[in-house]
Protein backbone atom coordinates (compact mmCIF):
# COMPACT_ATOMS: atom_id res chain seq x y z
CA MET A 1 0.00 0.00 0.00
CA PRO A 2 1.51 3.37 -0.98
CA LYS A 3 2.34 5.62 1.98
CA TRP A 4 2.51 8.66 -0.28
CA ARG A 5 -0.27 9.57 -2.71
CA GLY A 6 -1.31 12.32 -5.06
CA GLU A 7 -3.11 14.22 -2.33
CA ASP A 8 0.21 14.59 -0.52
CA ILE A 9 1.57 16.83 -3.28
CA PRO A 10 2.19 20.36 -2.01
CA ASP A 11 0.75 23.44 -3.70
CA LEU A 12 2.33 23.82 -7.15
CA SER A 13 1.35 27.41 -7.86
CA GLY A 14 4.04 29.01 -9.99
CA LYS A 15 5.50 25.67 -11.10
CA VAL A 16 5.81 24.89 -14.82
CA ILE A 17 5.77 21.21 -15.77
CA ILE A 18 6.14 19.36 -19.08
CA VAL A 19 4.58 15.89 -19.03
CA THR A 20 3.49 13.21 -21.47
CA GLY A 21 0.67 11.86 -19.27
CA GLY A 22 -0.80 11.92 -15.76
CA LEU A 23 -1.99 15.52 -15.85
CA GLN A 24 -5.03 15.63 -13.61
CA VAL A 25 -3.40 15.59 -10.20
CA LEU A 26 -0.90 18.27 -11.28
CA LEU A 27 -3.67 20.55 -12.51
CA GLN A 28 -5.56 20.00 -9.26
CA HIS A 29 -2.54 21.39 -7.42
CA ASP A 30 -2.42 24.56 -9.56
CA ALA A 31 0.64 23.76 -11.68
CA LYS A 32 1.01 25.20 -15.17
CA VAL A 33 1.11 22.00 -17.22
CA TYR A 34 2.23 21.42 -20.79
CA LEU A 35 0.94 18.22 -22.42
CA ALA A 36 3.63 17.09 -24.87
CA ALA A 37 2.07 14.76 -27.45
CA ARG A 38 2.02 14.08 -31.18
CA ASN A 39 -1.72 13.94 -31.86
CA PRO A 40 -3.38 17.37 -31.67
CA ALA A 41 -6.95 16.06 -32.01
CA LYS A 42 -6.67 13.46 -29.26
CA SER A 43 -4.78 15.88 -27.04
CA ALA A 44 -7.47 18.53 -27.48
CA GLN A 45 -10.10 16.08 -26.27
CA VAL A 46 -7.97 15.12 -23.26
CA ILE A 47 -7.45 18.77 -22.39
CA ILE A 48 -11.20 19.45 -22.57
CA GLU A 49 -11.98 16.47 -20.33
CA LEU A 50 -9.34 17.52 -17.82
CA GLU A 51 -10.65 21.08 -17.76
CA GLU A 52 -14.14 19.79 -17.03
CA ALA A 53 -12.77 17.70 -14.15
CA THR A 54 -10.33 20.22 -12.65
CA LYS A 55 -11.53 23.65 -13.88
CA ARG A 56 -7.95 24.22 -15.06
CA ARG A 57 -6.61 24.02 -18.59
CA ALA A 58 -3.44 22.28 -19.75
CA ILE A 59 -1.42 23.63 -22.69
CA PHE A 60 -0.79 21.46 -25.75
CA LEU A 61 2.83 21.13 -26.90
CA ASN A 62 3.10 19.37 -30.27
CA MET A 63 5.99 16.88 -30.07
CA ASP A 64 6.90 13.50 -31.56
CA LEU A 65 9.83 12.03 -29.64
CA ALA A 66 10.61 9.73 -32.57
CA ASP A 67 11.55 12.73 -34.74
CA LEU A 68 14.35 15.07 -33.65
CA HIS A 69 12.97 17.84 -35.88
CA SER A 70 9.75 17.71 -33.85
CA VAL A 71 11.63 17.68 -30.52
CA LYS A 72 13.62 20.75 -31.55
CA ALA A 73 10.49 22.62 -32.63
CA ALA A 74 8.67 21.75 -29.41
CA ALA A 75 11.56 22.93 -27.26
CA ALA A 76 11.71 26.21 -29.20
CA GLU A 77 7.95 26.69 -28.79
CA PHE A 78 8.15 26.03 -25.04
CA ILE A 79 11.08 28.38 -24.54
CA ALA A 80 9.33 31.06 -26.57
CA THR A 81 6.13 31.03 -24.75
CA PHE A 82 8.64 12.91 -21.57
CA SER A 83 5.48 9.13 -23.63
CA GLY A 84 7.54 6.39 -24.59
CA VAL A 85 7.13 3.24 -26.64
CA MET A 86 7.37 -0.43 -25.79
CA LEU A 87 7.97 -3.61 -27.82
CA THR A 88 7.62 -2.04 -31.24
CA PRO A 89 8.22 -4.26 -34.31
CA ILE A 90 11.87 -4.74 -35.21
CA GLU A 91 11.24 -3.14 -38.61
CA GLU A 92 10.26 0.17 -37.05
CA THR A 93 12.88 2.88 -36.71
CA THR A 94 12.74 6.59 -35.94
CA VAL A 95 12.67 9.25 -38.63
CA GLN A 96 16.46 9.55 -38.34
CA GLY A 97 17.04 5.77 -38.50
CA TYR A 98 17.55 4.83 -34.85
CA ASP A 99 15.97 1.84 -33.13
CA GLN A 100 12.39 2.94 -32.48
CA GLN A 101 12.41 2.15 -28.76
CA PHE A 102 15.82 3.66 -28.04
CA GLY A 103 15.30 6.64 -30.31
CA THR A 104 11.97 7.55 -28.74
CA ASN A 105 12.60 6.58 -25.13
CA VAL A 106 16.20 7.82 -24.84
CA LEU A 107 17.53 9.97 -27.70
CA GLY A 108 14.36 12.04 -28.11
CA HIS A 109 14.15 12.75 -24.38
CA PHE A 110 17.89 13.48 -24.24
CA TYR A 111 17.63 16.03 -27.03
CA LEU A 112 14.62 17.71 -25.42
CA THR A 113 16.47 17.94 -22.11
CA LYS A 114 19.58 19.39 -23.77
CA LEU A 115 17.51 22.05 -25.51
CA LEU A 116 15.79 23.00 -22.24
CA LEU A 117 18.90 22.96 -20.05
CA PRO A 118 19.60 26.72 -20.37
CA VAL A 119 16.08 27.43 -19.08
CA LEU A 120 16.42 24.82 -16.33
CA GLU A 121 19.78 26.19 -15.18
CA ALA A 122 18.52 29.77 -15.18
CA THR A 123 15.44 28.72 -13.19
CA ALA A 124 17.56 26.80 -10.66
CA ALA A 125 19.83 29.82 -10.18
CA THR A 126 16.92 32.03 -9.11
CA SER A 127 14.81 29.46 -7.23
CA LYS A 128 14.88 28.46 -3.59
CA GLU A 129 14.09 24.89 -4.63
CA PRO A 130 15.94 22.60 -7.04
CA VAL A 131 14.67 22.03 -10.55
CA ARG A 132 13.54 18.41 -11.05
CA ILE A 133 13.99 16.11 -14.03
CA VAL A 134 12.18 12.81 -13.40
CA THR A 135 12.86 10.06 -15.95
CA THR A 136 10.57 7.07 -16.36
CA SER A 137 12.66 3.92 -16.53
CA SER A 138 11.41 0.43 -15.63
CA SER A 139 12.16 -2.71 -13.62
CA ALA A 140 13.61 -3.89 -16.96
CA SER A 141 16.68 -1.79 -16.15
CA LEU A 142 17.51 -4.33 -13.43
CA PHE A 143 17.91 -7.26 -15.82
CA GLY A 144 20.28 -6.17 -18.58
CA HIS A 145 23.91 -7.17 -18.07
CA LYS A 146 25.41 -5.62 -21.23
CA PHE A 147 24.77 -2.45 -23.20
CA ARG A 148 25.04 -2.88 -26.98
CA PHE A 149 25.90 0.29 -28.88
CA ASP A 150 25.56 -1.66 -32.13
CA TRP A 151 21.82 -1.99 -31.40
CA LEU A 152 21.12 1.73 -31.26
CA LYS A 153 20.88 2.26 -35.01
CA ASP A 154 19.30 -0.05 -37.59
CA THR A 155 22.22 -2.48 -37.96
CA PRO A 156 22.35 -6.20 -38.83
CA GLU A 157 23.20 -6.86 -35.17
CA ARG A 158 20.07 -5.01 -34.05
CA ARG A 159 17.92 -7.00 -36.46
CA GLU A 160 19.03 -10.19 -34.68
CA ALA A 161 17.99 -8.89 -31.25
CA HIS A 162 14.63 -9.58 -29.64
CA ILE A 163 12.33 -6.59 -29.23
CA GLY A 164 12.26 -7.30 -25.48
CA GLN A 165 16.04 -6.90 -25.35
CA LEU A 166 15.78 -3.62 -27.22
CA TYR A 167 13.14 -2.37 -24.79
CA THR A 168 15.30 -3.37 -21.81
CA GLN A 169 18.24 -1.53 -23.31
CA SER A 170 16.15 1.61 -23.82
CA LYS A 171 15.15 1.57 -20.15
CA ILE A 172 18.78 1.10 -19.11
CA GLY A 173 19.56 4.04 -21.38
CA ASN A 174 16.95 6.16 -19.59
CA ALA A 175 18.61 5.41 -16.27
CA LEU A 176 22.14 6.05 -17.53
CA VAL A 177 21.19 9.45 -18.91
CA ALA A 178 19.44 10.39 -15.66
CA MET A 179 22.51 9.38 -13.66
CA GLU A 180 24.90 11.31 -15.88
CA LEU A 181 22.61 14.32 -15.84
CA ALA A 182 22.77 14.23 -12.05
CA SER A 183 26.56 13.99 -12.14
CA ARG A 184 26.96 16.93 -14.54
CA TYR A 185 24.28 19.30 -13.25
CA GLY A 186 23.66 18.36 -9.62
CA ASP A 187 25.85 21.22 -8.40
CA LYS A 188 23.80 23.65 -10.50
CA GLY A 189 20.54 23.14 -8.65
CA ILE A 190 19.12 20.35 -10.82
CA VAL A 191 17.90 17.07 -9.30
CA SER A 192 17.71 14.19 -11.78
CA ASN A 193 16.41 10.77 -10.79
CA TYR A 194 14.82 7.79 -12.56
CA CYS A 195 11.83 5.67 -11.64
CA ASN A 196 10.27 2.27 -11.89
CA PRO A 197 6.64 3.44 -11.59
CA VAL A 198 5.15 0.10 -10.53
CA PHE A 199 6.22 -3.36 -9.41
CA SER A 200 6.32 -6.05 -12.09
CA LEU A 201 3.10 -7.63 -10.83
CA LEU A 202 1.19 -4.73 -12.32
CA LEU A 203 -2.20 -6.36 -12.54
CA ILE A 204 -2.67 -6.70 -8.80
CA TYR A 205 -2.45 -2.95 -8.21
CA PRO A 206 -4.77 -0.10 -9.22
CA SER A 207 -3.45 1.60 -12.35
CA GLU A 208 -3.35 5.05 -10.72
CA TRP A 209 -0.73 3.83 -8.27
CA GLY A 210 1.75 3.95 -11.15
CA ALA A 211 1.76 7.75 -10.97
CA TYR A 212 2.57 7.87 -7.25
CA THR A 213 6.21 6.90 -7.75
CA LEU A 214 6.78 9.64 -10.33
CA LEU A 215 4.94 12.21 -8.24
CA TRP A 216 6.99 11.35 -5.15
CA ALA A 217 10.21 11.61 -7.19
CA ALA A 218 9.20 15.12 -8.22
CA PHE A 219 7.45 16.47 -5.12
CA GLY A 220 7.78 14.06 -2.18
CA HIS A 221 9.40 14.99 1.11
CA GLY A 222 13.06 13.93 0.88
CA SER A 223 13.08 13.54 -2.89
CA GLU A 224 15.37 16.55 -3.18
CA ASN A 225 18.11 14.21 -1.91
CA THR A 226 17.67 11.60 -4.66
CA ASN A 227 19.96 13.02 -7.32
CA GLY A 228 21.08 10.18 -9.59
CA LYS A 229 19.06 7.63 -7.62
CA TYR A 230 16.68 4.83 -8.63
CA ILE A 231 13.18 5.50 -7.27
CA ILE A 232 11.02 2.46 -6.57
CA PRO A 233 7.27 2.06 -5.94
CA TRP A 234 5.83 4.06 -4.36
CA GLY A 235 8.50 6.43 -3.22
CA GLY A 236 11.95 5.57 -1.87
CA VAL A 237 15.37 4.60 -3.19
CA GLY A 238 16.26 1.17 -4.59
CA LYS A 239 19.39 -0.63 -5.78
CA PRO A 240 20.27 -0.14 -9.46
CA GLY A 241 20.79 -3.00 -11.92
CA PRO A 242 24.18 -4.43 -12.94
CA CYS A 243 24.64 -2.27 -16.05
CA LEU A 244 24.05 0.83 -13.98
CA ARG A 245 26.87 -0.04 -11.61
CA ASN A 246 29.37 0.29 -14.46
CA ARG A 247 30.78 3.77 -13.78
CA GLU A 248 32.16 4.18 -17.30
CA LEU A 249 28.93 3.45 -19.15
CA ALA A 250 26.87 6.57 -18.31
CA PRO A 251 29.46 9.12 -19.52
CA LYS A 252 30.14 6.94 -22.57
CA LEU A 253 26.46 6.89 -23.55
CA TRP A 254 26.14 10.63 -22.85
CA SER A 255 29.04 11.34 -25.23
CA TRP A 256 27.48 9.09 -27.89
CA LEU A 257 24.14 10.89 -27.58
CA GLU A 258 25.78 14.29 -27.77
CA GLN A 259 27.50 13.23 -31.00
CA GLN A 260 24.19 12.12 -32.52
CA VAL A 261 22.67 15.49 -31.66
CA LYS A 262 25.65 17.36 -33.10
CA ASP A 263 25.44 15.35 -36.31
CA PHE A 264 21.72 16.04 -36.57
CA GLN A 265 22.19 19.76 -35.98
CA HIS A 266 25.03 19.91 -38.52
CA LEU A 267 22.84 18.32 -41.19
CA ASN A 268 19.95 20.65 -40.41
CA THR A 269 21.58 24.07 -40.22
């Protein structure tokens, strides 16, 4: 039974939050919420339903995490004024040719975070509270023992992998990026952690409990001390998986991701 629930969230007046789901409880606590999604029509209906339920309106942010052009445009729109995938067919890749699960779950989120970092750093410098970046990982991050860089793009080696292995690797990637983000920006007022929203035996728990872990990671008492940590259901710190105990892997993946972003920007300037 969760000891910390949505009603334990403090007042969020003045807070600005970008999410890809789970809006209602944030709106109920007076946060300014951006719904980042790729389907304007469906998002409009969700926003209407949420406004009827909460009397507060979310803001639509058009973004497809499987297309770096879309991520860049969404970040620019946000500055001027993450939704992941699971077990997609092996034939599916992102617009730029990366494995669909890794490209959407890791590279797209990484690029969005990089684009927003100047805003996040500036906010942290003038705020009494740390800025939070909460990454949704999975219990799958506990089971991978090796990270395959030759699976990240559409290679012959990737085509031989099982889609479950590719999903596991994407969730390990989420965790590695969150850890490296904490290492690089923790002294600048940014708290980055990563979560397994629910235990593996999902069906025995109410679906709404899945949000409690993420909400605790962002707003729970003591969560400000979880930089780089693995957050478990339904609030608290757990032990990371074997891949995540390899101290060289997180900075190596970060460097690889930065190179992909640089290559993309070079081709599109």
